Amino acid sequence: MNLEDDTVRDIVVSVVSVGVFIVAMFVVGSQFKSGGITGTGALEMVGVITLFVLVMTGVGFWLANQH
């Protein structure tokens, strides 16, 4: 199966973006091991999710303009 260079770039950029999101969620979650996630932790999680949505939107626009 041959993949074009554009397809490989799309895959790599998407996987890296999702990987950064997973690491960010892990970092935020690991700060609240003992007592569970507090209101501050929940706000941080919402911030990470919001940032992820914005980053993926930007990545999508960037990838769409590369073709």
PDB file of N, CA and C in Angstrom:
ATOM      1  N   MET A   1       0.847  -1.175   0.000  1.00  0.00           N
ATOM      2  CA  MET A   1       0.000   0.000   0.000  1.00  0.00           C
ATOM      3  C   MET A   1       0.894   1.240   0.000  1.00  0.00           C
ATOM      4  N   ASN A   2       0.781   2.029  -1.022  1.00  0.00           N
ATOM      5  CA  ASN A   2       1.574   3.251  -1.133  1.00  0.00           C
ATOM      6  C   ASN A   2       0.800   4.433  -0.574  1.00  0.00           C
ATOM      7  N   LEU A   3       1.460   5.183   0.280  1.00  0.00           N
ATOM      8  CA  LEU A   3       0.872   6.396   0.825  1.00  0.00           C
ATOM      9  C   LEU A   3       1.610   7.593   0.245  1.00  0.00           C
ATOM     10  N   GLU A   4       0.860   8.588  -0.135  1.00  0.00           N
ATOM     11  CA  GLU A   4       1.475   9.812  -0.633  1.00  0.00           C
ATOM     12  C   GLU A   4       2.103  10.576   0.526  1.00  0.00           C
ATOM     13  N   ASP A   5       3.015  11.459   0.209  1.00  0.00           N
ATOM     14  CA  ASP A   5       3.689  12.263   1.238  1.00  0.00           C
ATOM     15  C   ASP A   5       2.696  13.103   2.029  1.00  0.00           C
ATOM     16  N   ASP A   6       1.680  13.635   1.341  1.00  0.00           N
ATOM     17  CA  ASP A   6       0.674  14.453   2.021  1.00  0.00           C
ATOM     18  C   ASP A   6      -0.094  13.638   3.054  1.00  0.00           C
ATOM     19  N   THR A   7      -0.412  12.413   2.712  1.00  0.00           N
ATOM     20  CA  THR A   7      -1.157  11.551   3.629  1.00  0.00           C
ATOM     21  C   THR A   7      -0.326  11.215   4.856  1.00  0.00           C
ATOM     22  N   VAL A   8       0.938  10.920   4.648  1.00  0.00           N
ATOM     23  CA  VAL A   8       1.830  10.615   5.767  1.00  0.00           C
ATOM     24  C   VAL A   8       1.959  11.828   6.679  1.00  0.00           C
ATOM     25  N   ARG A   9       2.099  13.021   6.096  1.00  0.00           N
ATOM     26  CA  ARG A   9       2.189  14.243   6.901  1.00  0.00           C
ATOM     27  C   ARG A   9       0.911  14.450   7.707  1.00  0.00           C
ATOM     28  N   ASP A  10      -0.249  14.243   7.089  1.00  0.00           N
ATOM     29  CA  ASP A  10      -1.527  14.383   7.789  1.00  0.00           C
ATOM     30  C   ASP A  10      -1.609  13.432   8.977  1.00  0.00           C
ATOM     31  N   ILE A  11      -1.189  12.206   8.767  1.00  0.00           N
ATOM     32  CA  ILE A  11      -1.232  11.205   9.835  1.00  0.00           C
ATOM     33  C   ILE A  11      -0.298  11.586  10.974  1.00  0.00           C
ATOM     34  N   VAL A  12       0.921  11.978  10.634  1.00  0.00           N
ATOM     35  CA  VAL A  12       1.914  12.321  11.667  1.00  0.00           C
ATOM     36  C   VAL A  12       1.451  13.520  12.479  1.00  0.00           C
ATOM     37  N   VAL A  13       0.978  14.562  11.816  1.00  0.00           N
ATOM     38  CA  VAL A  13       0.533  15.765  12.526  1.00  0.00           C
ATOM     39  C   VAL A  13      -0.650  15.435  13.433  1.00  0.00           C
ATOM     40  N   SER A  14      -1.576  14.632  12.964  1.00  0.00           N
ATOM     41  CA  SER A  14      -2.743  14.273  13.771  1.00  0.00           C
ATOM     42  C   SER A  14      -2.356  13.424  14.974  1.00  0.00           C
ATOM     43  N   VAL A  15      -1.492  12.439  14.753  1.00  0.00           N
ATOM     44  CA  VAL A  15      -1.075  11.563  15.859  1.00  0.00           C
ATOM     45  C   VAL A  15      -0.294  12.351  16.904  1.00  0.00           C
ATOM     46  N   VAL A  16       0.566  13.248  16.475  1.00  0.00           N
ATOM     47  CA  VAL A  16       1.333  14.067  17.426  1.00  0.00           C
ATOM     48  C   VAL A  16       0.392  14.963  18.231  1.00  0.00           C
ATOM     49  N   SER A  17      -0.588  15.558  17.574  1.00  0.00           N
ATOM     50  CA  SER A  17      -1.545  16.424  18.274  1.00  0.00           C
ATOM     51  C   SER A  17      -2.336  15.651  19.319  1.00  0.00           C
ATOM     52  N   VAL A  18      -2.794  14.475  18.965  1.00  0.00           N
ATOM     53  CA  VAL A  18      -3.535  13.651  19.922  1.00  0.00           C
ATOM     54  C   VAL A  18      -2.616  13.187  21.048  1.00  0.00           C
ATOM     55  N   GLY A  19      -1.370  12.864  20.728  1.00  0.00           N
ATOM     56  CA  GLY A  19      -0.412  12.463  21.757  1.00  0.00           C
ATOM     57  C   GLY A  19      -0.156  13.568  22.771  1.00  0.00           C
ATOM     58  N   VAL A  20      -0.038  14.795  22.293  1.00  0.00           N
ATOM     59  CA  VAL A  20       0.149  15.936  23.200  1.00  0.00           C
ATOM     60  C   VAL A  20      -1.081  16.096  24.099  1.00  0.00           C
ATOM     61  N   PHE A  21      -2.268  15.905  23.532  1.00  0.00           N
ATOM     62  CA  PHE A  21      -3.500  15.987  24.321  1.00  0.00           C
ATOM     63  C   PHE A  21      -3.515  14.924  25.416  1.00  0.00           C
ATOM     64  N   ILE A  22      -3.157  13.704  25.082  1.00  0.00           N
ATOM     65  CA  ILE A  22      -3.151  12.619  26.071  1.00  0.00           C
ATOM     66  C   ILE A  22      -2.144  12.903  27.177  1.00  0.00           C
ATOM     67  N   VAL A  23      -0.967  13.388  26.814  1.00  0.00           N
ATOM     68  CA  VAL A  23       0.044  13.728  27.820  1.00  0.00           C
ATOM     69  C   VAL A  23      -0.455  14.851  28.722  1.00  0.00           C
ATOM     70  N   ALA A  24      -1.089  15.868  28.146  1.00  0.00           N
ATOM     71  CA  ALA A  24      -1.612  16.980  28.940  1.00  0.00           C
ATOM     72  C   ALA A  24      -2.685  16.493  29.915  1.00  0.00           C
ATOM     73  N   MET A  25      -3.573  15.613  29.458  1.00  0.00           N
ATOM     74  CA  MET A  25      -4.607  15.072  30.345  1.00  0.00           C
ATOM     75  C   MET A  25      -3.975  14.248  31.476  1.00  0.00           C
ATOM     76  N   PHE A  26      -2.938  13.486  31.144  1.00  0.00           N
ATOM     77  CA  PHE A  26      -2.252  12.685  32.148  1.00  0.00           C
ATOM     78  C   PHE A  26      -1.574  13.577  33.187  1.00  0.00           C
ATOM     79  N   VAL A  27      -0.934  14.644  32.729  1.00  0.00           N
ATOM     80  CA  VAL A  27      -0.239  15.555  33.653  1.00  0.00           C
ATOM     81  C   VAL A  27      -1.238  16.214  34.601  1.00  0.00           C
ATOM     82  N   VAL A  28      -2.339  16.700  34.054  1.00  0.00           N
ATOM     83  CA  VAL A  28      -3.348  17.339  34.904  1.00  0.00           C
ATOM     84  C   VAL A  28      -3.948  16.321  35.864  1.00  0.00           C
ATOM     85  N   GLY A  29      -4.263  15.135  35.374  1.00  0.00           N
ATOM     86  CA  GLY A  29      -4.858  14.105  36.225  1.00  0.00           C
ATOM     87  C   GLY A  29      -3.913  13.611  37.305  1.00  0.00           C
ATOM     88  N   SER A  30      -2.630  13.554  37.013  1.00  0.00           N
ATOM     89  CA  SER A  30      -1.665  13.048  37.989  1.00  0.00           C
ATOM     90  C   SER A  30      -1.417  14.042  39.126  1.00  0.00           C
ATOM     91  N   GLN A  31      -1.789  15.291  38.956  1.00  0.00           N
ATOM     92  CA  GLN A  31      -1.609  16.271  40.021  1.00  0.00           C
ATOM     93  C   GLN A  31      -2.621  16.067  41.148  1.00  0.00           C
ATOM     94  N   PHE A  32      -3.662  15.299  40.904  1.00  0.00           N
ATOM     95  CA  PHE A  32      -4.738  15.136  41.878  1.00  0.00           C
ATOM     96  C   PHE A  32      -4.918  13.669  42.240  1.00  0.00           C
ATOM     97  N   LYS A  33      -3.833  12.969  42.509  1.00  0.00           N
ATOM     98  CA  LYS A  33      -3.896  11.538  42.799  1.00  0.00           C
ATOM     99  C   LYS A  33      -4.632  11.224  44.090  1.00  0.00           C
ATOM    100  N   SER A  34      -4.292  11.899  45.156  1.00  0.00           N
ATOM    101  CA  SER A  34      -4.748  11.467  46.478  1.00  0.00           C
ATOM    102  C   SER A  34      -6.214  11.769  46.752  1.00  0.00           C
ATOM    103  N   GLY A  35      -6.664  12.986  46.491  1.00  0.00           N
ATOM    104  CA  GLY A  35      -8.012  13.352  46.890  1.00  0.00           C
ATOM    105  C   GLY A  35      -9.017  13.386  45.763  1.00  0.00           C
ATOM    106  N   GLY A  36      -8.641  12.963  44.605  1.00  0.00           N
ATOM    107  CA  GLY A  36      -9.538  13.069  43.462  1.00  0.00           C
ATOM    108  C   GLY A  36      -9.458  14.464  42.859  1.00  0.00           C
ATOM    109  N   ILE A  37     -10.120  14.632  41.766  1.00  0.00           N
ATOM    110  CA  ILE A  37     -10.072  15.921  41.068  1.00  0.00           C
ATOM    111  C   ILE A  37     -11.001  16.906  41.766  1.00  0.00           C
ATOM    112  N   THR A  38     -10.459  18.049  42.099  1.00  0.00           N
ATOM    113  CA  THR A  38     -11.230  19.107  42.755  1.00  0.00           C
ATOM    114  C   THR A  38     -11.810  20.041  41.700  1.00  0.00           C
ATOM    115  N   GLY A  39     -12.425  21.109  42.135  1.00  0.00           N
ATOM    116  CA  GLY A  39     -12.966  22.091  41.210  1.00  0.00           C
ATOM    117  C   GLY A  39     -11.890  22.707  40.344  1.00  0.00           C
ATOM    118  N   THR A  40     -10.723  22.942  40.934  1.00  0.00           N
ATOM    119  CA  THR A  40      -9.604  23.486  40.171  1.00  0.00           C
ATOM    120  C   THR A  40      -9.130  22.493  39.120  1.00  0.00           C
ATOM    121  N   GLY A  41      -9.055  21.232  39.502  1.00  0.00           N
ATOM    122  CA  GLY A  41      -8.638  20.198  38.555  1.00  0.00           C
ATOM    123  C   GLY A  41      -9.627  20.039  37.416  1.00  0.00           C
ATOM    124  N   ALA A  42     -10.899  20.124  37.734  1.00  0.00           N
ATOM    125  CA  ALA A  42     -11.920  20.022  36.693  1.00  0.00           C
ATOM    126  C   ALA A  42     -11.812  21.191  35.723  1.00  0.00           C
ATOM    127  N   LEU A  43     -11.545  22.365  36.254  1.00  0.00           N
ATOM    128  CA  LEU A  43     -11.373  23.543  35.396  1.00  0.00           C
ATOM    129  C   LEU A  43     -10.147  23.386  34.493  1.00  0.00           C
ATOM    130  N   GLU A  44      -9.082  22.806  35.039  1.00  0.00           N
ATOM    131  CA  GLU A  44      -7.894  22.556  34.230  1.00  0.00           C
ATOM    132  C   GLU A  44      -8.186  21.542  33.131  1.00  0.00           C
ATOM    133  N   MET A  45      -8.960  20.512  33.443  1.00  0.00           N
ATOM    134  CA  MET A  45      -9.338  19.511  32.429  1.00  0.00           C
ATOM    135  C   MET A  45     -10.154  20.160  31.316  1.00  0.00           C
ATOM    136  N   VAL A  46     -11.095  21.010  31.686  1.00  0.00           N
ATOM    137  CA  VAL A  46     -11.899  21.718  30.680  1.00  0.00           C
ATOM    138  C   VAL A  46     -10.993  22.602  29.826  1.00  0.00           C
ATOM    139  N   GLY A  47     -10.017  23.237  30.449  1.00  0.00           N
ATOM    140  CA  GLY A  47      -9.070  24.062  29.705  1.00  0.00           C
ATOM    141  C   GLY A  47      -8.254  23.240  28.719  1.00  0.00           C
ATOM    142  N   VAL A  48      -7.809  22.055  29.136  1.00  0.00           N
ATOM    143  CA  VAL A  48      -7.034  21.184  28.250  1.00  0.00           C
ATOM    144  C   VAL A  48      -7.903  20.724  27.076  1.00  0.00           C
ATOM    145  N   ILE A  49      -9.147  20.361  27.354  1.00  0.00           N
ATOM    146  CA  ILE A  49     -10.048  19.921  26.285  1.00  0.00           C
ATOM    147  C   ILE A  49     -10.328  21.070  25.324  1.00  0.00           C
ATOM    148  N   THR A  50     -10.568  22.253  25.861  1.00  0.00           N
ATOM    149  CA  THR A  50     -10.821  23.424  25.009  1.00  0.00           C
ATOM    150  C   THR A  50      -9.605  23.737  24.146  1.00  0.00           C
ATOM    151  N   LEU A  51      -8.435  23.699  24.747  1.00  0.00           N
ATOM    152  CA  LEU A  51      -7.206  23.947  23.992  1.00  0.00           C
ATOM    153  C   LEU A  51      -7.024  22.896  22.897  1.00  0.00           C
ATOM    154  N   PHE A  52      -7.340  21.641  23.210  1.00  0.00           N
ATOM    155  CA  PHE A  52      -7.239  20.571  22.220  1.00  0.00           C
ATOM    156  C   PHE A  52      -8.164  20.823  21.033  1.00  0.00           C
ATOM    157  N   VAL A  53      -9.391  21.224  21.314  1.00  0.00           N
ATOM    158  CA  VAL A  53     -10.342  21.508  20.235  1.00  0.00           C
ATOM    159  C   VAL A  53      -9.832  22.650  19.361  1.00  0.00           C
ATOM    160  N   LEU A  54      -9.309  23.698  19.986  1.00  0.00           N
ATOM    161  CA  LEU A  54      -8.785  24.832  19.215  1.00  0.00           C
ATOM    162  C   LEU A  54      -7.559  24.439  18.396  1.00  0.00           C
ATOM    163  N   VAL A  55      -6.670  23.654  18.989  1.00  0.00           N
ATOM    164  CA  VAL A  55      -5.471  23.212  18.271  1.00  0.00           C
ATOM    165  C   VAL A  55      -5.855  22.325  17.091  1.00  0.00           C
ATOM    166  N   MET A  56      -6.780  21.392  17.300  1.00  0.00           N
ATOM    167  CA  MET A  56      -7.182  20.507  16.211  1.00  0.00           C
ATOM    168  C   MET A  56      -7.904  21.276  15.112  1.00  0.00           C
ATOM    169  N   THR A  57      -8.644  22.323  15.472  1.00  0.00           N
ATOM    170  CA  THR A  57      -9.276  23.170  14.463  1.00  0.00           C
ATOM    171  C   THR A  57      -8.203  23.867  13.626  1.00  0.00           C
ATOM    172  N   GLY A  58      -7.202  24.416  14.298  1.00  0.00           N
ATOM    173  CA  GLY A  58      -6.104  25.058  13.588  1.00  0.00           C
ATOM    174  C   GLY A  58      -5.336  24.079  12.713  1.00  0.00           C
ATOM    175  N   VAL A  59      -5.085  22.896  13.234  1.00  0.00           N
ATOM    176  CA  VAL A  59      -4.389  21.869  12.460  1.00  0.00           C
ATOM    177  C   VAL A  59      -5.216  21.480  11.236  1.00  0.00           C
ATOM    178  N   GLY A  60      -6.510  21.353  11.420  1.00  0.00           N
ATOM    179  CA  GLY A  60      -7.386  21.000  10.301  1.00  0.00           C
ATOM    180  C   GLY A  60      -7.361  22.055   9.211  1.00  0.00           C
ATOM    181  N   PHE A  61      -7.445  23.316   9.604  1.00  0.00           N
ATOM    182  CA  PHE A  61      -7.376  24.397   8.616  1.00  0.00           C
ATOM    183  C   PHE A  61      -6.019  24.408   7.922  1.00  0.00           C
ATOM    184  N   TRP A  62      -4.961  24.226   8.691  1.00  0.00           N
ATOM    185  CA  TRP A  62      -3.626  24.215   8.101  1.00  0.00           C
ATOM    186  C   TRP A  62      -3.468  23.067   7.108  1.00  0.00           C
ATOM    187  N   LEU A  63      -3.906  21.865   7.497  1.00  0.00           N
ATOM    188  CA  LEU A  63      -3.793  20.724   6.602  1.00  0.00           C
ATOM    189  C   LEU A  63      -4.659  20.897   5.355  1.00  0.00           C
ATOM    190  N   ALA A  64      -5.835  21.494   5.509  1.00  0.00           N
ATOM    191  CA  ALA A  64      -6.720  21.696   4.367  1.00  0.00           C
ATOM    192  C   ALA A  64      -6.098  22.656   3.351  1.00  0.00           C
ATOM    193  N   ASN A  65      -5.324  23.602   3.819  1.00  0.00           N
ATOM    194  CA  ASN A  65      -4.707  24.574   2.908  1.00  0.00           C
ATOM    195  C   ASN A  65      -3.382  24.076   2.322  1.00  0.00           C
ATOM    196  N   GLN A  66      -2.901  22.924   2.756  1.00  0.00           N
ATOM    197  CA  GLN A  66      -1.653  22.385   2.254  1.00  0.00           C
ATOM    198  C   GLN A  66      -1.846  21.593   0.966  1.00  0.00           C
ATOM    199  N   HIS A  67      -3.051  21.182   0.655  1.00  0.00           N
ATOM    200  CA  HIS A  67      -3.300  20.315  -0.517  1.00  0.00           C
ATOM    201  C   HIS A  67      -3.567  21.102  -1.746  1.00  0.00           C
TER     202      HIS A  67
END
